[in-house]
Amino acid sequence: MAAAKRWYWISLVLVVLCVPLFVKSSYVLSILIVIGLYAIIVQGLGLLMGYAGQVSFGQAAFYGLGAYTAAILATRCDWPPLLCVLVAPFLPALVALIIGRPILRLREHYLVLATLGFGILAFAVFNELIGLTGGPSGLTGIPYLSVGPLVLDTDRAYYYVVWGFLGLVILGMANLTASPIGRAFKAIHASEQAAESAGINTALLKLQAFVLSAFLAGLAGSLYAFWVTFVGPSPFGFTASIEFVLMAVVGGLGTLWGPVLGAAIIVGLTEFLRWGVPVVMPKAGGEFEIVFFGIVFVLIMLLRPQGILAPGRSRRVARAVVREEKCSG
């Protein structure tokens, strides 16, 4: 079993390494880079939603905090780009630690509204704090990511960087979910009251999941800043947070590869809509994209609530919740 698992990971690494050898289009490579960045974000969101059972519509804010932190450190403090990538995620994590305690006390739609409000507030700060963030014009002059004399200024090179980080994140998540902490997260998601009665500190674990999801979003943001070499507020709005949640749900909550699949599906659909909608409806605007994703979200919730890679799990969780309600009643 261990040998088969080892060959499984080796095969995946070989596939990722060989993709740029066969893909010559810079456009396709850029899409793959976006999928890798979003998959890093959704890995953290998948942990938060799939294991800790908490929904967050503020991931775009943490994504933007990581991007702006890396950009400011590189352009105004002259820090080495690689150091900026490694340090920048700690600011979103710190912000999540500060706001997490009061926010995570809320339940259901109140929690959703609180994270949504935080995302809107952060987006306003990105736009209005012109002296620090550049406002709507953004920050320019960000250098390319470099490691010593090696400058990663091509999409092919940056593909390896992003997917390398994604591979490390997936390995970390695999170890985390297989550990006692991961089993505690699963217990919380199945029944928070039962987990508390078993002696699990649910409040602390939910806060840790929230902080880790913010850290991973900040990591993706710092990588994004050195790829496009420009940071403006538009990629970090409310729509992005909706897409991240949709990626987590479509791929499969509480699964290792669900975030990658969900990111690939939603990014692919987004690119298809940008090409197809103007052909069918020349006068259509960007609002049709939001409407389409809303329809997809509703269908997923009705037909497969736990996503593509987690069949049947929702029914088991639902039965556990029903049993808990009967016992408490």
Protein backbone atom coordinates (compact mmCIF):
# COMPACT_ATOMS: atom_id res chain seq x y z
CA MET A 1 0.00 0.00 0.00
CA ALA A 2 2.81 2.41 0.88
CA ALA A 3 4.62 1.62 -2.39
CA ALA A 4 1.45 2.21 -4.41
CA LYS A 5 0.89 5.53 -2.66
CA ARG A 6 4.48 6.54 -3.34
CA TRP A 7 4.14 5.78 -7.05
CA TYR A 8 0.84 7.67 -7.09
CA TRP A 9 2.58 10.83 -5.87
CA ILE A 10 5.53 10.31 -8.22
CA SER A 11 3.15 9.98 -11.18
CA LEU A 12 1.36 13.22 -10.25
CA VAL A 13 4.67 15.08 -9.94
CA LEU A 14 5.78 13.80 -13.35
CA VAL A 15 2.51 14.92 -14.95
CA VAL A 16 2.84 18.42 -13.47
CA LEU A 17 6.47 18.66 -14.58
CA CYS A 18 5.72 17.54 -18.13
CA VAL A 19 2.70 19.79 -18.81
CA PRO A 20 4.74 22.87 -19.89
CA LEU A 21 6.75 20.70 -22.28
CA PHE A 22 3.61 20.04 -24.34
CA VAL A 23 1.77 23.34 -23.82
CA LYS A 24 3.23 26.03 -26.06
CA SER A 25 0.49 28.64 -25.65
CA SER A 26 1.23 31.39 -23.14
CA TYR A 27 -2.53 31.86 -22.73
CA VAL A 28 -3.02 28.25 -21.62
CA LEU A 29 -0.05 28.47 -19.27
CA SER A 30 -1.50 31.62 -17.70
CA ILE A 31 -4.80 29.79 -17.10
CA LEU A 32 -2.90 26.93 -15.44
CA ILE A 33 -1.10 29.44 -13.22
CA VAL A 34 -4.44 30.99 -12.17
CA ILE A 35 -5.81 27.52 -11.42
CA GLY A 36 -2.77 26.83 -9.24
CA LEU A 37 -3.13 30.12 -7.36
CA TYR A 38 -6.83 29.62 -6.77
CA ALA A 39 -6.31 25.99 -5.72
CA ILE A 40 -3.94 27.20 -2.97
CA ILE A 41 -6.65 29.54 -1.69
CA VAL A 42 -9.36 26.91 -1.89
CA GLN A 43 -7.23 24.37 -0.02
CA GLY A 44 -7.49 26.59 3.02
CA LEU A 45 -11.16 27.31 2.39
CA GLY A 46 -11.83 23.60 1.98
CA LEU A 47 -10.31 22.98 5.40
CA LEU A 48 -12.39 25.77 6.92
CA MET A 49 -15.66 24.70 5.33
CA GLY A 50 -15.19 20.96 4.90
CA TYR A 51 -13.67 20.17 8.29
CA ALA A 52 -14.27 23.09 10.66
CA GLY A 53 -17.75 23.64 9.19
CA GLN A 54 -17.36 27.43 8.85
CA VAL A 55 -18.30 29.40 5.72
CA SER A 56 -16.22 32.44 4.79
CA PHE A 57 -16.88 35.01 2.09
CA GLY A 58 -13.77 36.99 3.03
CA GLN A 59 -11.05 34.96 1.33
CA ALA A 60 -10.61 37.54 -1.43
CA ALA A 61 -9.71 40.09 1.27
CA PHE A 62 -6.94 37.84 2.62
CA TYR A 63 -5.82 37.19 -0.97
CA GLY A 64 -5.55 40.94 -1.50
CA LEU A 65 -3.77 41.52 1.82
CA GLY A 66 -1.10 39.03 0.82
CA ALA A 67 -0.68 40.63 -2.61
CA TYR A 68 -0.48 44.20 -1.29
CA THR A 69 1.88 43.24 1.54
CA ALA A 70 4.28 41.54 -0.86
CA ALA A 71 4.07 44.45 -3.31
CA ILE A 72 4.71 47.10 -0.64
CA LEU A 73 7.63 45.19 0.86
CA ALA A 74 9.22 44.75 -2.58
CA THR A 75 8.67 48.25 -3.97
CA ARG A 76 8.97 50.49 -0.90
CA CYS A 77 11.17 48.47 1.43
CA ASP A 78 13.38 46.85 -1.25
CA TRP A 79 13.01 43.40 0.23
CA PRO A 80 14.08 40.42 -1.93
CA PRO A 81 11.02 39.04 -3.77
CA LEU A 82 11.38 35.52 -2.39
CA LEU A 83 11.51 36.86 1.18
CA CYS A 84 8.38 38.91 0.46
CA VAL A 85 6.56 35.77 -0.69
CA LEU A 86 7.47 33.96 2.52
CA VAL A 87 6.70 36.86 4.88
CA ALA A 88 3.58 38.43 3.29
CA PRO A 89 1.13 35.62 4.25
CA PHE A 90 1.70 36.31 7.94
CA LEU A 91 -0.19 39.62 7.80
CA PRO A 92 -3.46 38.03 6.58
CA ALA A 93 -2.95 35.31 9.20
CA LEU A 94 -2.51 37.95 11.91
CA VAL A 95 -5.64 39.81 10.78
CA ALA A 96 -7.57 36.52 10.78
CA LEU A 97 -6.34 35.82 14.31
CA ILE A 98 -7.54 39.24 15.48
CA ILE A 99 -10.98 39.17 13.87
CA GLY A 100 -11.48 35.42 14.12
CA ARG A 101 -12.41 35.24 17.79
CA PRO A 102 -15.45 37.54 17.59
CA ILE A 103 -16.50 36.44 14.10
CA LEU A 104 -16.39 32.69 14.75
CA ARG A 105 -18.74 33.07 17.71
CA LEU A 106 -21.48 33.76 15.20
CA ARG A 107 -23.53 30.99 13.62
CA GLU A 108 -24.92 30.20 10.18
CA HIS A 109 -25.93 33.25 8.12
CA TYR A 110 -24.64 35.66 10.77
CA LEU A 111 -21.14 34.25 10.25
CA VAL A 112 -21.54 34.55 6.48
CA LEU A 113 -22.62 38.19 6.80
CA ALA A 114 -19.69 38.97 9.12
CA THR A 115 -17.09 37.56 6.71
CA LEU A 116 -18.86 39.27 3.82
CA GLY A 117 -18.71 42.58 5.68
CA PHE A 118 -14.99 42.10 6.32
CA GLY A 119 -14.39 41.46 2.63
CA ILE A 120 -16.28 44.59 1.63
CA LEU A 121 -14.38 46.64 4.21
CA ALA A 122 -11.01 45.35 2.99
CA PHE A 123 -11.93 46.11 -0.62
CA ALA A 124 -12.83 49.67 0.39
CA VAL A 125 -9.47 50.04 2.14
CA PHE A 126 -7.65 48.84 -0.98
CA ASN A 127 -9.45 51.53 -2.98
CA GLU A 128 -9.33 54.42 -0.54
CA LEU A 129 -5.92 54.10 1.15
CA ILE A 130 -4.23 55.74 -1.84
CA GLY A 131 -1.00 56.68 -0.08
CA LEU A 132 -0.27 53.03 0.75
CA THR A 133 -2.10 50.91 -1.82
CA GLY A 134 -2.21 53.29 -4.77
CA GLY A 135 -6.00 53.34 -4.69
CA PRO A 136 -7.86 52.33 -7.86
CA SER A 137 -4.65 52.82 -9.89
CA GLY A 138 -2.88 50.16 -7.85
CA LEU A 139 0.81 49.55 -7.28
CA THR A 140 3.23 49.27 -10.18
CA GLY A 141 6.94 48.58 -10.50
CA ILE A 142 6.81 45.22 -8.73
CA PRO A 143 9.84 43.15 -9.75
CA TYR A 144 9.65 39.62 -11.04
CA LEU A 145 10.23 36.82 -8.58
CA SER A 146 13.90 35.91 -8.47
CA VAL A 147 16.07 33.39 -6.67
CA GLY A 148 19.59 34.76 -6.63
CA PRO A 149 20.60 35.50 -10.23
CA LEU A 150 17.67 33.46 -11.61
CA VAL A 151 14.76 35.72 -12.66
CA LEU A 152 11.42 33.98 -13.19
CA ASP A 153 9.97 36.28 -15.84
CA THR A 154 8.18 33.76 -18.06
CA ASP A 155 4.86 31.98 -17.65
CA ARG A 156 6.57 28.61 -18.07
CA ALA A 157 8.96 29.28 -15.20
CA TYR A 158 6.24 30.72 -12.99
CA TYR A 159 4.03 27.70 -13.64
CA TYR A 160 6.60 25.55 -11.87
CA VAL A 161 6.77 28.02 -8.96
CA VAL A 162 3.00 28.13 -8.40
CA TRP A 163 2.41 24.42 -8.81
CA GLY A 164 5.45 23.67 -6.67
CA PHE A 165 3.93 25.69 -3.84
CA LEU A 166 0.57 24.02 -4.48
CA GLY A 167 2.24 20.61 -4.20
CA LEU A 168 3.73 21.57 -0.84
CA VAL A 169 0.34 22.81 0.35
CA ILE A 170 -1.36 19.56 -0.72
CA LEU A 171 1.28 17.49 1.08
CA GLY A 172 0.83 19.60 4.18
CA MET A 173 -2.95 19.23 4.03
CA ALA A 174 -2.65 15.46 3.55
CA ASN A 175 -0.53 15.18 6.69
CA LEU A 176 -2.78 17.55 8.64
CA THR A 177 -6.03 15.77 7.82
CA ALA A 178 -4.47 12.38 8.65
CA SER A 179 -3.26 13.62 12.05
CA PRO A 180 -5.23 13.71 15.32
CA ILE A 181 -5.94 17.39 14.62
CA GLY A 182 -7.50 16.44 11.30
CA ARG A 183 -9.70 13.85 12.97
CA ALA A 184 -10.76 16.48 15.48
CA PHE A 185 -11.75 18.76 12.58
CA LYS A 186 -13.85 15.96 11.11
CA ALA A 187 -15.56 15.45 14.45
CA ILE A 188 -16.41 19.15 14.62
CA HIS A 189 -17.92 19.10 11.15
CA ALA A 190 -20.02 16.01 11.89
CA SER A 191 -21.29 17.26 15.23
CA GLU A 192 -19.85 20.20 17.14
CA GLN A 193 -21.75 19.34 20.32
CA ALA A 194 -20.49 15.76 20.28
CA ALA A 195 -16.93 16.97 19.67
CA GLU A 196 -17.16 19.33 22.64
CA SER A 197 -18.50 16.56 24.86
CA ALA A 198 -15.48 14.46 23.83
CA GLY A 199 -13.16 17.16 25.17
CA ILE A 200 -12.23 18.82 21.84
CA ASN A 201 -11.58 22.56 22.03
CA THR A 202 -13.81 23.43 19.07
CA ALA A 203 -13.39 27.20 19.36
CA LEU A 204 -9.59 26.94 19.18
CA LEU A 205 -9.63 24.52 16.25
CA LYS A 206 -12.05 26.67 14.26
CA LEU A 207 -9.84 29.69 14.86
CA GLN A 208 -6.77 27.74 13.74
CA ALA A 209 -8.55 26.70 10.54
CA PHE A 210 -9.58 30.30 9.91
CA VAL A 211 -6.01 31.56 10.41
CA LEU A 212 -4.54 28.82 8.20
CA SER A 213 -7.03 29.55 5.42
CA ALA A 214 -6.06 33.25 5.58
CA PHE A 215 -2.36 32.33 5.49
CA LEU A 216 -2.82 30.23 2.34
CA ALA A 217 -4.88 32.98 0.68
CA GLY A 218 -2.10 35.46 1.52
CA LEU A 219 0.49 33.08 0.06
CA ALA A 220 -1.45 32.92 -3.20
CA GLY A 221 -1.75 36.71 -3.18
CA SER A 222 2.00 37.21 -2.76
CA LEU A 223 2.68 34.80 -5.63
CA TYR A 224 0.11 36.64 -7.76
CA ALA A 225 1.81 40.01 -7.14
CA PHE A 226 5.17 38.85 -8.50
CA TRP A 227 3.56 37.16 -11.48
CA VAL A 228 1.58 40.11 -12.85
CA THR A 229 4.00 42.73 -11.36
CA PHE A 230 0.98 44.95 -10.67
CA VAL A 231 -1.55 44.94 -7.84
CA GLY A 232 -4.90 46.72 -8.06
CA PRO A 233 -8.12 46.22 -6.06
CA SER A 234 -10.28 44.68 -8.81
CA PRO A 235 -9.22 41.00 -8.38
CA PHE A 236 -10.06 41.09 -4.65
CA GLY A 237 -13.72 42.04 -4.70
CA PHE A 238 -16.88 40.27 -3.59
CA THR A 239 -17.19 38.28 -6.82
CA ALA A 240 -13.82 36.62 -6.21
CA SER A 241 -14.92 35.46 -2.74
CA ILE A 242 -18.07 33.93 -4.24
CA GLU A 243 -15.99 32.10 -6.83
CA PHE A 244 -13.64 30.71 -4.18
CA VAL A 245 -16.57 29.32 -2.18
CA LEU A 246 -18.04 27.89 -5.37
CA MET A 247 -14.71 26.21 -6.20
CA ALA A 248 -14.61 24.59 -2.76
CA VAL A 249 -18.19 23.36 -3.02
CA VAL A 250 -17.97 22.12 -6.62
CA GLY A 251 -14.71 20.24 -6.11
CA GLY A 252 -15.76 18.63 -2.87
CA LEU A 253 -15.63 19.82 0.72
CA GLY A 254 -13.24 17.92 2.96
CA THR A 255 -11.32 16.35 0.06
CA LEU A 256 -7.66 16.69 -0.89
CA TRP A 257 -8.07 17.14 -4.63
CA GLY A 258 -11.46 18.85 -4.61
CA PRO A 259 -9.92 22.36 -4.48
CA VAL A 260 -7.80 21.64 -7.56
CA LEU A 261 -10.74 20.22 -9.49
CA GLY A 262 -13.06 23.02 -8.37
CA ALA A 263 -10.54 25.71 -9.36
CA ALA A 264 -10.03 24.08 -12.76
CA ILE A 265 -13.78 23.85 -13.43
CA ILE A 266 -14.66 27.39 -12.36
CA VAL A 267 -11.65 29.01 -14.07
CA GLY A 268 -12.41 27.01 -17.22
CA LEU A 269 -16.07 28.06 -17.14
CA THR A 270 -15.05 31.69 -16.57
CA GLU A 271 -12.81 31.68 -19.63
CA PHE A 272 -15.53 29.96 -21.67
CA LEU A 273 -18.09 32.59 -20.64
CA ARG A 274 -15.73 35.43 -21.55
CA TRP A 275 -15.42 33.94 -25.00
CA GLY A 276 -18.93 32.55 -25.51
CA VAL A 277 -21.29 35.16 -24.00
CA PRO A 278 -20.22 38.04 -26.33
CA VAL A 279 -20.74 35.73 -29.29
CA VAL A 280 -24.28 34.77 -28.27
CA MET A 281 -25.24 38.11 -26.65
CA PRO A 282 -23.01 40.92 -27.99
CA LYS A 283 -24.51 43.52 -25.65
CA ALA A 284 -24.20 41.42 -22.51
CA GLY A 285 -22.14 42.71 -19.59
CA GLY A 286 -20.25 41.08 -16.74
CA GLU A 287 -23.43 40.58 -14.72
CA PHE A 288 -24.25 37.48 -16.77
CA GLU A 289 -21.18 35.76 -15.35
CA ILE A 290 -22.44 36.33 -11.79
CA VAL A 291 -25.92 35.06 -12.75
CA PHE A 292 -24.43 31.94 -14.33
CA PHE A 293 -22.31 31.12 -11.29
CA GLY A 294 -25.34 31.68 -9.08
CA ILE A 295 -27.24 29.08 -11.08
CA VAL A 296 -24.31 26.65 -10.87
CA PHE A 297 -24.09 27.16 -7.10
CA VAL A 298 -27.81 26.46 -6.62
CA LEU A 299 -27.65 23.32 -8.78
CA ILE A 300 -24.64 21.99 -6.88
CA MET A 301 -26.38 22.62 -3.55
CA LEU A 302 -29.47 20.73 -4.76
CA LEU A 303 -27.84 17.82 -6.58
CA ARG A 304 -24.49 17.24 -4.84
CA PRO A 305 -24.06 19.44 -1.77
CA GLN A 306 -20.61 18.07 -0.85
CA GLY A 307 -19.17 18.39 -4.37
CA ILE A 308 -17.94 16.11 -7.11
CA LEU A 309 -15.22 14.30 -5.18
CA ALA A 310 -17.21 13.69 -2.00
CA PRO A 311 -20.22 11.56 -3.03
CA GLY A 312 -22.52 10.36 -0.27
CA ARG A 313 -20.76 12.19 2.55
CA SER A 314 -23.48 14.77 2.87
CA ARG A 315 -26.05 12.09 3.60
CA ARG A 316 -23.97 10.63 6.42
CA VAL A 317 -23.46 14.07 7.91
CA ALA A 318 -27.17 14.83 7.56
CA ARG A 319 -28.11 11.61 9.36
CA ALA A 320 -25.67 12.40 12.17
CA VAL A 321 -27.20 15.87 12.55
CA VAL A 322 -30.72 14.42 12.61
CA ARG A 323 -29.74 11.92 15.30
CA GLU A 324 -28.15 14.70 17.34
CA GLU A 325 -31.29 16.85 17.07
CA LYS A 326 -33.48 13.92 18.16
CA CYS A 327 -31.27 13.22 21.14
CA SER A 328 -31.18 16.88 22.19
CA GLY A 329 -34.93 17.18 21.75
